[in-house]
């Protein structure tokens, strides 16, 4: 194996491990807001690592640009989706009491 193949394998395995831990966290965490954190942060980073490893392995081919587009699309959409899920979970009262330190969506008391 060459150095590029070792680097590719390391990136793919690290990304797969992060995606696996994110999947386990989604199952184990108790409420929507904590599950949302596990679904966005390590999942996106794991996907980007896997895409980086695949891009190293496929260097010199036209498929690398498609991998870059998938990574860019994921980076653009994951925060928006997480924001919408968080707002919906808050409005439907699907969070633990005392979890939020600052409640910017709550009613103001004057």
PDB file of N, CA and C in Angstrom:
ATOM      1  N   UNK A   1       0.841  -1.188   0.000  1.00  0.00           N
ATOM      2  CA  UNK A   1       0.000   0.000   0.000  1.00  0.00           C
ATOM      3  C   UNK A   1       0.886   1.251   0.000  1.00  0.00           C
ATOM      4  N   UNK A   2       0.429   2.241  -0.725  1.00  0.00           N
ATOM      5  CA  UNK A   2       1.168   3.494  -0.781  1.00  0.00           C
ATOM      6  C   UNK A   2       0.713   4.413   0.355  1.00  0.00           C
ATOM      7  N   UNK A   3       1.390   5.531   0.478  1.00  0.00           N
ATOM      8  CA  UNK A   3       1.029   6.497   1.512  1.00  0.00           C
ATOM      9  C   UNK A   3      -0.355   7.085   1.300  1.00  0.00           C
ATOM     10  N   UNK A   4      -0.731   7.293   0.024  1.00  0.00           N
ATOM     11  CA  UNK A   4      -2.065   7.812  -0.268  1.00  0.00           C
ATOM     12  C   UNK A   4      -3.152   6.831   0.155  1.00  0.00           C
ATOM     13  N   UNK A   5      -2.917   5.558  -0.057  1.00  0.00           N
ATOM     14  CA  UNK A   5      -3.904   4.549   0.339  1.00  0.00           C
ATOM     15  C   UNK A   5      -4.026   4.454   1.860  1.00  0.00           C
ATOM     16  N   UNK A   6      -2.905   4.604   2.562  1.00  0.00           N
ATOM     17  CA  UNK A   6      -2.962   4.612   4.029  1.00  0.00           C
ATOM     18  C   UNK A   6      -3.749   5.820   4.531  1.00  0.00           C
ATOM     19  N   UNK A   7      -3.492   6.974   3.944  1.00  0.00           N
ATOM     20  CA  UNK A   7      -4.215   8.183   4.339  1.00  0.00           C
ATOM     21  C   UNK A   7      -5.705   8.046   4.043  1.00  0.00           C
ATOM     22  N   UNK A   8      -6.017   7.504   2.888  1.00  0.00           N
ATOM     23  CA  UNK A   8      -7.410   7.289   2.516  1.00  0.00           C
ATOM     24  C   UNK A   8      -8.100   6.328   3.476  1.00  0.00           C
ATOM     25  N   UNK A   9      -7.435   5.236   3.794  1.00  0.00           N
ATOM     26  CA  UNK A   9      -8.014   4.260   4.719  1.00  0.00           C
ATOM     27  C   UNK A   9      -8.212   4.859   6.111  1.00  0.00           C
ATOM     28  N   UNK A  10      -7.255   5.654   6.561  1.00  0.00           N
ATOM     29  CA  UNK A  10      -7.375   6.276   7.882  1.00  0.00           C
ATOM     30  C   UNK A  10      -8.554   7.247   7.923  1.00  0.00           C
ATOM     31  N   UNK A  11      -8.716   8.047   6.875  1.00  0.00           N
ATOM     32  CA  UNK A  11      -9.837   8.989   6.836  1.00  0.00           C
ATOM     33  C   UNK A  11     -11.180   8.269   6.786  1.00  0.00           C
ATOM     34  N   UNK A  12     -11.260   7.240   5.967  1.00  0.00           N
ATOM     35  CA  UNK A  12     -12.524   6.506   5.839  1.00  0.00           C
ATOM     36  C   UNK A  12     -12.869   5.800   7.143  1.00  0.00           C
ATOM     37  N   UNK A  13     -11.915   5.167   7.790  1.00  0.00           N
ATOM     38  CA  UNK A  13     -12.191   4.480   9.053  1.00  0.00           C
ATOM     39  C   UNK A  13     -12.541   5.455  10.171  1.00  0.00           C
ATOM     40  N   UNK A  14     -11.850   6.587  10.226  1.00  0.00           N
ATOM     41  CA  UNK A  14     -12.171   7.586  11.245  1.00  0.00           C
ATOM     42  C   UNK A  14     -13.567   8.157  11.018  1.00  0.00           C
ATOM     43  N   UNK A  15     -13.895   8.468   9.787  1.00  0.00           N
ATOM     44  CA  UNK A  15     -15.227   8.970   9.472  1.00  0.00           C
ATOM     45  C   UNK A  15     -16.318   7.958   9.769  1.00  0.00           C
ATOM     46  N   UNK A  16     -16.068   6.699   9.461  1.00  0.00           N
ATOM     47  CA  UNK A  16     -17.047   5.652   9.755  1.00  0.00           C
ATOM     48  C   UNK A  16     -17.235   5.483  11.255  1.00  0.00           C
ATOM     49  N   UNK A  17     -16.149   5.600  12.018  1.00  0.00           N
ATOM     50  CA  UNK A  17     -16.255   5.499  13.476  1.00  0.00           C
ATOM     51  C   UNK A  17     -17.063   6.662  14.042  1.00  0.00           C
ATOM     52  N   UNK A  18     -16.853   7.863  13.513  1.00  0.00           N
ATOM     53  CA  UNK A  18     -17.627   9.015  13.992  1.00  0.00           C
ATOM     54  C   UNK A  18     -19.102   8.872  13.641  1.00  0.00           C
ATOM     55  N   UNK A  19     -19.405   8.392  12.457  1.00  0.00           N
ATOM     56  CA  UNK A  19     -20.798   8.183  12.071  1.00  0.00           C
ATOM     57  C   UNK A  19     -21.442   7.098  12.927  1.00  0.00           C
ATOM     58  N   UNK A  20     -20.674   6.073  13.279  1.00  0.00           N
ATOM     59  CA  UNK A  20     -21.194   5.009  14.149  1.00  0.00           C
ATOM     60  C   UNK A  20     -21.492   5.541  15.545  1.00  0.00           C
ATOM     61  N   UNK A  21     -20.590   6.350  16.090  1.00  0.00           N
ATOM     62  CA  UNK A  21     -20.855   6.920  17.421  1.00  0.00           C
ATOM     63  C   UNK A  21     -22.046   7.865  17.380  1.00  0.00           C
ATOM     64  N   UNK A  22     -22.234   8.588  16.286  1.00  0.00           N
ATOM     65  CA  UNK A  22     -23.408   9.450  16.154  1.00  0.00           C
ATOM     66  C   UNK A  22     -24.688   8.629  16.130  1.00  0.00           C
ATOM     67  N   UNK A  23     -24.675   7.508  15.438  1.00  0.00           N
ATOM     68  CA  UNK A  23     -25.861   6.646  15.388  1.00  0.00           C
ATOM     69  C   UNK A  23     -26.176   6.060  16.766  1.00  0.00           C
ATOM     70  N   UNK A  24     -25.157   5.665  17.489  1.00  0.00           N
ATOM     71  CA  UNK A  24     -25.370   5.143  18.839  1.00  0.00           C
ATOM     72  C   UNK A  24     -25.925   6.230  19.751  1.00  0.00           C
ATOM     73  N   UNK A  25     -25.398   7.449  19.621  1.00  0.00           N
ATOM     74  CA  UNK A  25     -25.871   8.553  20.451  1.00  0.00           C
ATOM     75  C   UNK A  25     -27.324   8.905  20.145  1.00  0.00           C
ATOM     76  N   UNK A  26     -27.719   8.820  18.894  1.00  0.00           N
ATOM     77  CA  UNK A  26     -29.112   9.110  18.546  1.00  0.00           C
ATOM     78  C   UNK A  26     -30.044   8.127  19.241  1.00  0.00           C
ATOM     79  N   UNK A  27     -29.646   6.889  19.347  1.00  0.00           N
ATOM     80  CA  UNK A  27     -30.482   5.881  19.996  1.00  0.00           C
ATOM     81  C   UNK A  27     -30.480   6.058  21.516  1.00  0.00           C
ATOM     82  N   UNK A  28     -29.349   6.447  22.090  1.00  0.00           N
ATOM     83  CA  UNK A  28     -29.210   6.472  23.545  1.00  0.00           C
ATOM     84  C   UNK A  28     -29.624   7.770  24.221  1.00  0.00           C
ATOM     85  N   UNK A  29     -29.528   8.904  23.528  1.00  0.00           N
ATOM     86  CA  UNK A  29     -29.839  10.178  24.174  1.00  0.00           C
ATOM     87  C   UNK A  29     -31.328  10.288  24.456  1.00  0.00           C
ATOM     88  N   UNK A  30     -31.701  10.989  25.549  1.00  0.00           N
ATOM     89  CA  UNK A  30     -33.083  10.944  26.028  1.00  0.00           C
ATOM     90  C   UNK A  30     -34.078  11.855  25.318  1.00  0.00           C
ATOM     91  N   UNK A  31     -33.654  12.976  24.770  1.00  0.00           N
ATOM     92  CA  UNK A  31     -34.647  13.881  24.194  1.00  0.00           C
ATOM     93  C   UNK A  31     -34.197  14.402  22.829  1.00  0.00           C
ATOM     94  N   UNK A  32     -35.091  15.129  22.197  1.00  0.00           N
ATOM     95  CA  UNK A  32     -34.869  15.562  20.816  1.00  0.00           C
ATOM     96  C   UNK A  32     -33.693  16.515  20.678  1.00  0.00           C
ATOM     97  N   UNK A  33     -33.541  17.442  21.608  1.00  0.00           N
ATOM     98  CA  UNK A  33     -32.474  18.428  21.469  1.00  0.00           C
ATOM     99  C   UNK A  33     -31.087  17.795  21.567  1.00  0.00           C
ATOM    100  N   UNK A  34     -30.900  16.838  22.455  1.00  0.00           N
ATOM    101  CA  UNK A  34     -29.598  16.176  22.542  1.00  0.00           C
ATOM    102  C   UNK A  34     -29.387  15.222  21.372  1.00  0.00           C
ATOM    103  N   UNK A  35     -30.439  14.607  20.911  1.00  0.00           N
ATOM    104  CA  UNK A  35     -30.321  13.748  19.721  1.00  0.00           C
ATOM    105  C   UNK A  35     -29.978  14.578  18.490  1.00  0.00           C
ATOM    106  N   UNK A  36     -30.524  15.785  18.434  1.00  0.00           N
ATOM    107  CA  UNK A  36     -30.240  16.665  17.317  1.00  0.00           C
ATOM    108  C   UNK A  36     -28.746  16.995  17.259  1.00  0.00           C
ATOM    109  N   UNK A  37     -28.138  17.219  18.407  1.00  0.00           N
ATOM    110  CA  UNK A  37     -26.710  17.501  18.452  1.00  0.00           C
ATOM    111  C   UNK A  37     -25.916  16.316  17.895  1.00  0.00           C
ATOM    112  N   UNK A  38     -26.291  15.112  18.318  1.00  0.00           N
ATOM    113  CA  UNK A  38     -25.589  13.913  17.843  1.00  0.00           C
ATOM    114  C   UNK A  38     -25.838  13.668  16.357  1.00  0.00           C
ATOM    115  N   UNK A  39     -26.978  14.092  15.868  1.00  0.00           N
ATOM    116  CA  UNK A  39     -27.294  13.852  14.461  1.00  0.00           C
ATOM    117  C   UNK A  39     -26.589  14.828  13.529  1.00  0.00           C
ATOM    118  N   UNK A  40     -26.170  15.969  14.040  1.00  0.00           N
ATOM    119  CA  UNK A  40     -25.580  16.954  13.143  1.00  0.00           C
ATOM    120  C   UNK A  40     -24.061  17.008  13.215  1.00  0.00           C
ATOM    121  N   UNK A  41     -23.512  17.186  14.386  1.00  0.00           N
ATOM    122  CA  UNK A  41     -22.070  17.460  14.482  1.00  0.00           C
ATOM    123  C   UNK A  41     -21.200  16.268  14.056  1.00  0.00           C
ATOM    124  N   UNK A  42     -21.209  15.144  14.772  1.00  0.00           N
ATOM    125  CA  UNK A  42     -20.291  14.067  14.364  1.00  0.00           C
ATOM    126  C   UNK A  42     -20.696  13.396  13.055  1.00  0.00           C
ATOM    127  N   UNK A  43     -21.979  13.430  12.741  1.00  0.00           N
ATOM    128  CA  UNK A  43     -22.427  12.810  11.501  1.00  0.00           C
ATOM    129  C   UNK A  43     -21.868  13.554  10.287  1.00  0.00           C
ATOM    130  N   UNK A  44     -21.917  14.870  10.323  1.00  0.00           N
ATOM    131  CA  UNK A  44     -21.417  15.673   9.203  1.00  0.00           C
ATOM    132  C   UNK A  44     -19.894  15.559   9.104  1.00  0.00           C
ATOM    133  N   UNK A  45     -19.214  15.647  10.233  1.00  0.00           N
ATOM    134  CA  UNK A  45     -17.755  15.530  10.206  1.00  0.00           C
ATOM    135  C   UNK A  45     -17.342  14.134   9.735  1.00  0.00           C
ATOM    136  N   UNK A  46     -18.045  13.108  10.190  1.00  0.00           N
ATOM    137  CA  UNK A  46     -17.753  11.751   9.734  1.00  0.00           C
ATOM    138  C   UNK A  46     -17.959  11.592   8.242  1.00  0.00           C
ATOM    139  N   UNK A  47     -19.038  12.175   7.725  1.00  0.00           N
ATOM    140  CA  UNK A  47     -19.283  12.105   6.284  1.00  0.00           C
ATOM    141  C   UNK A  47     -18.194  12.827   5.511  1.00  0.00           C
ATOM    142  N   UNK A  48     -17.779  14.000   5.999  1.00  0.00           N
ATOM    143  CA  UNK A  48     -16.716  14.734   5.310  1.00  0.00           C
ATOM    144  C   UNK A  48     -15.400  13.964   5.324  1.00  0.00           C
ATOM    145  N   UNK A  49     -15.109  13.267   6.419  1.00  0.00           N
ATOM    146  CA  UNK A  49     -13.891  12.453   6.454  1.00  0.00           C
ATOM    147  C   UNK A  49     -13.966  11.287   5.467  1.00  0.00           C
ATOM    148  N   UNK A  50     -15.118  10.636   5.401  1.00  0.00           N
ATOM    149  CA  UNK A  50     -15.287   9.533   4.446  1.00  0.00           C
ATOM    150  C   UNK A  50     -15.176  10.060   3.013  1.00  0.00           C
ATOM    151  N   UNK A  51     -15.797  11.205   2.745  1.00  0.00           N
ATOM    152  CA  UNK A  51     -15.697  11.788   1.400  1.00  0.00           C
ATOM    153  C   UNK A  51     -14.262  12.184   1.076  1.00  0.00           C
ATOM    154  N   UNK A  52     -13.532  12.702   2.063  1.00  0.00           N
ATOM    155  CA  UNK A  52     -12.123  13.045   1.842  1.00  0.00           C
ATOM    156  C   UNK A  52     -11.286  11.818   1.533  1.00  0.00           C
ATOM    157  N   UNK A  53     -11.528  10.736   2.269  1.00  0.00           N
ATOM    158  CA  UNK A  53     -10.817   9.494   1.998  1.00  0.00           C
ATOM    159  C   UNK A  53     -11.143   8.928   0.628  1.00  0.00           C
ATOM    160  N   UNK A  54     -12.418   9.015   0.248  1.00  0.00           N
ATOM    161  CA  UNK A  54     -12.806   8.534  -1.077  1.00  0.00           C
ATOM    162  C   UNK A  54     -12.211   9.418  -2.171  1.00  0.00           C
ATOM    163  N   UNK A  55     -12.123  10.720  -1.918  1.00  0.00           N
ATOM    164  CA  UNK A  55     -11.537  11.629  -2.912  1.00  0.00           C
ATOM    165  C   UNK A  55     -10.053  11.335  -3.103  1.00  0.00           C
ATOM    166  N   UNK A  56      -9.359  11.011  -2.013  1.00  0.00           N
ATOM    167  CA  UNK A  56      -7.943  10.643  -2.141  1.00  0.00           C
ATOM    168  C   UNK A  56      -7.811   9.358  -2.955  1.00  0.00           C
ATOM    169  N   UNK A  57      -8.685   8.411  -2.706  1.00  0.00           N
ATOM    170  CA  UNK A  57      -8.622   7.134  -3.420  1.00  0.00           C
ATOM    171  C   UNK A  57      -8.982   7.301  -4.901  1.00  0.00           C
ATOM    172  N   UNK A  58      -9.892   8.218  -5.201  1.00  0.00           N
ATOM    173  CA  UNK A  58     -10.359   8.409  -6.578  1.00  0.00           C
ATOM    174  C   UNK A  58      -9.676   9.577  -7.283  1.00  0.00           C
ATOM    175  N   UNK A  59      -8.584  10.086  -6.732  1.00  0.00           N
ATOM    176  CA  UNK A  59      -7.944  11.274  -7.306  1.00  0.00           C
ATOM    177  C   UNK A  59      -7.618  11.027  -8.782  1.00  0.00           C
ATOM    178  N   UNK A  60      -7.783  12.076  -9.549  1.00  0.00           N
ATOM    179  CA  UNK A  60      -7.512  11.982 -10.974  1.00  0.00           C
ATOM    180  C   UNK A  60      -8.720  11.562 -11.790  1.00  0.00           C
ATOM    181  N   UNK A  61      -9.844  11.287 -11.163  1.00  0.00           N
ATOM    182  CA  UNK A  61     -11.057  10.901 -11.885  1.00  0.00           C
ATOM    183  C   UNK A  61     -12.089  12.015 -11.754  1.00  0.00           C
ATOM    184  N   UNK A  62     -13.105  11.965 -12.558  1.00  0.00           N
ATOM    185  CA  UNK A  62     -14.146  12.989 -12.540  1.00  0.00           C
ATOM    186  C   UNK A  62     -15.084  12.898 -11.352  1.00  0.00           C
ATOM    187  N   UNK A  63     -15.097  11.784 -10.663  1.00  0.00           N
ATOM    188  CA  UNK A  63     -16.011  11.589  -9.543  1.00  0.00           C
ATOM    189  C   UNK A  63     -15.647  12.413  -8.313  1.00  0.00           C
ATOM    190  N   UNK A  64     -14.445  12.930  -8.266  1.00  0.00           N
ATOM    191  CA  UNK A  64     -14.013  13.699  -7.100  1.00  0.00           C
ATOM    192  C   UNK A  64     -14.853  14.965  -6.949  1.00  0.00           C
ATOM    193  N   UNK A  65     -15.234  15.598  -8.051  1.00  0.00           N
ATOM    194  CA  UNK A  65     -16.051  16.810  -7.967  1.00  0.00           C
ATOM    195  C   UNK A  65     -17.436  16.499  -7.433  1.00  0.00           C
ATOM    196  N   UNK A  66     -17.968  15.338  -7.735  1.00  0.00           N
ATOM    197  CA  UNK A  66     -19.260  14.951  -7.174  1.00  0.00           C
ATOM    198  C   UNK A  66     -19.161  14.777  -5.663  1.00  0.00           C
ATOM    199  N   UNK A  67     -18.057  14.214  -5.185  1.00  0.00           N
ATOM    200  CA  UNK A  67     -17.858  14.077  -3.741  1.00  0.00           C
ATOM    201  C   UNK A  67     -17.771  15.445  -3.077  1.00  0.00           C
ATOM    202  N   UNK A  68     -17.100  16.381  -3.734  1.00  0.00           N
ATOM    203  CA  UNK A  68     -17.006  17.737  -3.195  1.00  0.00           C
ATOM    204  C   UNK A  68     -18.380  18.402  -3.134  1.00  0.00           C
ATOM    205  N   UNK A  69     -19.205  18.179  -4.136  1.00  0.00           N
ATOM    206  CA  UNK A  69     -20.558  18.740  -4.128  1.00  0.00           C
ATOM    207  C   UNK A  69     -21.413  18.134  -3.025  1.00  0.00           C
ATOM    208  N   UNK A  70     -21.275  16.845  -2.792  1.00  0.00           N
ATOM    209  CA  UNK A  70     -22.017  16.198  -1.698  1.00  0.00           C
ATOM    210  C   UNK A  70     -21.601  16.787  -0.357  1.00  0.00           C
ATOM    211  N   UNK A  71     -20.304  16.974  -0.157  1.00  0.00           N
ATOM    212  CA  UNK A  71     -19.814  17.569   1.083  1.00  0.00           C
ATOM    213  C   UNK A  71     -20.306  18.994   1.262  1.00  0.00           C
ATOM    214  N   UNK A  72     -20.275  19.793   0.203  1.00  0.00           N
ATOM    215  CA  UNK A  72     -20.748  21.169   0.271  1.00  0.00           C
ATOM    216  C   UNK A  72     -22.245  21.231   0.569  1.00  0.00           C
ATOM    217  N   UNK A  73     -23.024  20.393  -0.094  1.00  0.00           N
ATOM    218  CA  UNK A  73     -24.464  20.356   0.142  1.00  0.00           C
ATOM    219  C   UNK A  73     -24.762  19.966   1.586  1.00  0.00           C
ATOM    220  N   UNK A  74     -24.016  19.022   2.124  1.00  0.00           N
ATOM    221  CA  UNK A  74     -24.210  18.615   3.510  1.00  0.00           C
ATOM    222  C   UNK A  74     -23.873  19.745   4.470  1.00  0.00           C
ATOM    223  N   UNK A  75     -22.780  20.446   4.215  1.00  0.00           N
ATOM    224  CA  UNK A  75     -22.396  21.570   5.070  1.00  0.00           C
ATOM    225  C   UNK A  75     -23.417  22.702   5.026  1.00  0.00           C
ATOM    226  N   UNK A  76     -24.075  22.886   3.903  1.00  0.00           N
ATOM    227  CA  UNK A  76     -25.065  23.953   3.783  1.00  0.00           C
ATOM    228  C   UNK A  76     -26.409  23.585   4.383  1.00  0.00           C
ATOM    229  N   UNK A  77     -26.797  22.336   4.311  1.00  0.00           N
ATOM    230  CA  UNK A  77     -28.137  21.954   4.750  1.00  0.00           C
ATOM    231  C   UNK A  77     -28.221  21.453   6.184  1.00  0.00           C
ATOM    232  N   UNK A  78     -27.175  20.876   6.729  1.00  0.00           N
ATOM    233  CA  UNK A  78     -27.238  20.310   8.083  1.00  0.00           C
ATOM    234  C   UNK A  78     -27.569  21.351   9.154  1.00  0.00           C
ATOM    235  N   UNK A  79     -26.965  22.547   9.151  1.00  0.00           N
ATOM    236  CA  UNK A  79     -27.345  23.524  10.180  1.00  0.00           C
ATOM    237  C   UNK A  79     -28.799  23.994  10.055  1.00  0.00           C
ATOM    238  N   UNK A  80     -29.285  24.130   8.841  1.00  0.00           N
ATOM    239  CA  UNK A  80     -30.664  24.565   8.639  1.00  0.00           C
ATOM    240  C   UNK A  80     -31.630  23.512   9.157  1.00  0.00           C
ATOM    241  N   UNK A  81     -31.364  22.270   8.833  1.00  0.00           N
ATOM    242  CA  UNK A  81     -32.226  21.179   9.295  1.00  0.00           C
ATOM    243  C   UNK A  81     -32.196  21.077  10.819  1.00  0.00           C
ATOM    244  N   UNK A  82     -31.024  21.202  11.411  1.00  0.00           N
ATOM    245  CA  UNK A  82     -30.914  21.128  12.872  1.00  0.00           C
ATOM    246  C   UNK A  82     -31.671  22.282  13.524  1.00  0.00           C
ATOM    247  N   UNK A  83     -31.602  23.459  12.940  1.00  0.00           N
ATOM    248  CA  UNK A  83     -32.324  24.602  13.483  1.00  0.00           C
ATOM    249  C   UNK A  83     -33.835  24.364  13.433  1.00  0.00           C
ATOM    250  N   UNK A  84     -34.324  23.867  12.317  1.00  0.00           N
ATOM    251  CA  UNK A  84     -35.759  23.618  12.189  1.00  0.00           C
ATOM    252  C   UNK A  84     -36.225  22.514  13.134  1.00  0.00           C
ATOM    253  N   UNK A  85     -35.439  21.475  13.295  1.00  0.00           N
ATOM    254  CA  UNK A  85     -35.796  20.404  14.226  1.00  0.00           C
ATOM    255  C   UNK A  85     -35.808  20.925  15.655  1.00  0.00           C
ATOM    256  N   UNK A  86     -34.827  21.755  16.012  1.00  0.00           N
ATOM    257  CA  UNK A  86     -34.774  22.318  17.360  1.00  0.00           C
ATOM    258  C   UNK A  86     -35.961  23.208  17.658  1.00  0.00           C
ATOM    259  N   UNK A  87     -36.329  24.059  16.716  1.00  0.00           N
ATOM    260  CA  UNK A  87     -37.500  24.931  16.929  1.00  0.00           C
ATOM    261  C   UNK A  87     -38.782  24.124  17.049  1.00  0.00           C
ATOM    262  N   UNK A  88     -38.920  23.104  16.212  1.00  0.00           N
ATOM    263  CA  UNK A  88     -40.119  22.269  16.272  1.00  0.00           C
ATOM    264  C   UNK A  88     -40.185  21.505  17.589  1.00  0.00           C
ATOM    265  N   UNK A  89     -39.065  20.977  18.031  1.00  0.00           N
ATOM    266  CA  UNK A  89     -39.042  20.249  19.301  1.00  0.00           C
ATOM    267  C   UNK A  89     -39.365  21.179  20.466  1.00  0.00           C
ATOM    268  N   UNK A  90     -38.881  22.394  20.416  1.00  0.00           N
ATOM    269  CA  UNK A  90     -39.173  23.353  21.477  1.00  0.00           C
ATOM    270  C   UNK A  90     -40.659  23.692  21.498  1.00  0.00           C
ATOM    271  N   UNK A  91     -41.202  23.974  20.344  1.00  0.00           N
ATOM    272  CA  UNK A  91     -42.623  24.354  20.284  1.00  0.00           C
ATOM    273  C   UNK A  91     -43.550  23.224  20.690  1.00  0.00           C
ATOM    274  N   UNK A  92     -43.142  21.995  20.460  1.00  0.00           N
ATOM    275  CA  UNK A  92     -43.972  20.850  20.846  1.00  0.00           C
ATOM    276  C   UNK A  92     -43.654  20.354  22.251  1.00  0.00           C
ATOM    277  N   UNK A  93     -42.830  21.124  22.986  1.00  0.00           N
ATOM    278  CA  UNK A  93     -42.480  20.788  24.376  1.00  0.00           C
ATOM    279  C   UNK A  93     -41.814  19.422  24.489  1.00  0.00           C
ATOM    280  N   UNK A  94     -40.895  19.118  23.577  1.00  0.00           N
ATOM    281  CA  UNK A  94     -40.203  17.836  23.577  1.00  0.00           C
ATOM    282  C   UNK A  94     -38.785  17.959  24.126  1.00  0.00           C
ATOM    283  N   UNK A  95     -38.606  18.792  25.128  1.00  0.00           N
ATOM    284  CA  UNK A  95     -37.295  18.942  25.751  1.00  0.00           C
ATOM    285  C   UNK A  95     -37.442  18.768  27.260  1.00  0.00           C
ATOM    286  N   UNK A  96     -36.332  18.456  27.895  1.00  0.00           N
ATOM    287  CA  UNK A  96     -36.340  18.301  29.346  1.00  0.00           C
ATOM    288  C   UNK A  96     -36.391  19.668  30.019  1.00  0.00           C
ATOM    289  N   UNK A  97     -37.095  19.757  31.125  1.00  0.00           N
ATOM    290  CA  UNK A  97     -37.142  21.009  31.877  1.00  0.00           C
ATOM    291  C   UNK A  97     -35.772  21.306  32.463  1.00  0.00           C
ATOM    292  N   UNK A  98     -35.383  22.557  32.441  1.00  0.00           N
ATOM    293  CA  UNK A  98     -34.098  22.975  32.985  1.00  0.00           C
ATOM    294  C   UNK A  98     -32.932  22.754  32.042  1.00  0.00           C
ATOM    295  N   UNK A  99     -33.191  22.274  30.843  1.00  0.00           N
ATOM    296  CA  UNK A  99     -32.120  22.006  29.885  1.00  0.00           C
ATOM    297  C   UNK A  99     -31.604  23.291  29.241  1.00  0.00           C
ATOM    298  N   UNK A 100     -32.495  24.243  29.029  1.00  0.00           N
ATOM    299  CA  UNK A 100     -32.129  25.480  28.350  1.00  0.00           C
ATOM    300  C   UNK A 100     -31.681  26.531  29.365  1.00  0.00           C
ATOM    301  N   UNK A 101     -30.521  27.109  29.149  1.00  0.00           N
ATOM    302  CA  UNK A 101     -30.049  28.191  30.016  1.00  0.00           C
ATOM    303  C   UNK A 101     -30.647  29.520  29.597  1.00  0.00           C
ATOM    304  N   UNK A 102     -30.705  29.745  28.310  1.00  0.00           N
ATOM    305  CA  UNK A 102     -31.301  30.967  27.780  1.00  0.00           C
ATOM    306  C   UNK A 102     -32.482  30.547  26.927  1.00  0.00           C
ATOM    307  N   UNK A 103     -33.634  31.099  27.215  1.00  0.00           N
ATOM    308  CA  UNK A 103     -34.841  30.741  26.495  1.00  0.00           C
ATOM    309  C   UNK A 103     -35.254  31.923  25.625  1.00  0.00           C
ATOM    310  N   UNK A 104     -34.684  31.999  24.424  1.00  0.00           N
ATOM    311  CA  UNK A 104     -34.978  33.113  23.528  1.00  0.00           C
ATOM    312  C   UNK A 104     -36.316  32.970  22.820  1.00  0.00           C
ATOM    313  N   UNK A 105     -36.889  31.808  22.817  1.00  0.00           N
ATOM    314  CA  UNK A 105     -38.165  31.604  22.136  1.00  0.00           C
ATOM    315  C   UNK A 105     -39.351  31.680  23.083  1.00  0.00           C
ATOM    316  N   UNK A 106     -39.078  31.764  24.377  1.00  0.00           N
ATOM    317  CA  UNK A 106     -40.156  31.775  25.367  1.00  0.00           C
ATOM    318  C   UNK A 106     -40.848  33.118  25.447  1.00  0.00           C
ATOM    319  N   UNK A 107     -41.957  33.125  26.157  1.00  0.00           N
ATOM    320  CA  UNK A 107     -42.713  34.356  26.364  1.00  0.00           C
ATOM    321  C   UNK A 107     -41.937  35.279  27.293  1.00  0.00           C
ATOM    322  N   UNK A 108     -41.963  36.560  26.962  1.00  0.00           N
ATOM    323  CA  UNK A 108     -41.292  37.542  27.799  1.00  0.00           C
ATOM    324  C   UNK A 108     -42.215  37.965  28.919  1.00  0.00           C
ATOM    325  N   UNK A 109     -41.674  38.087  30.103  1.00  0.00           N
ATOM    326  CA  UNK A 109     -42.451  38.533  31.254  1.00  0.00           C
ATOM    327  C   UNK A 109     -42.062  39.977  31.528  1.00  0.00           C
ATOM    328  N   UNK A 110     -43.014  40.890  31.408  1.00  0.00           N
ATOM    329  CA  UNK A 110     -42.727  42.310  31.643  1.00  0.00           C
ATOM    330  C   UNK A 110     -43.296  42.760  32.957  1.00  0.00           C
TER     331      UNK A 110
END
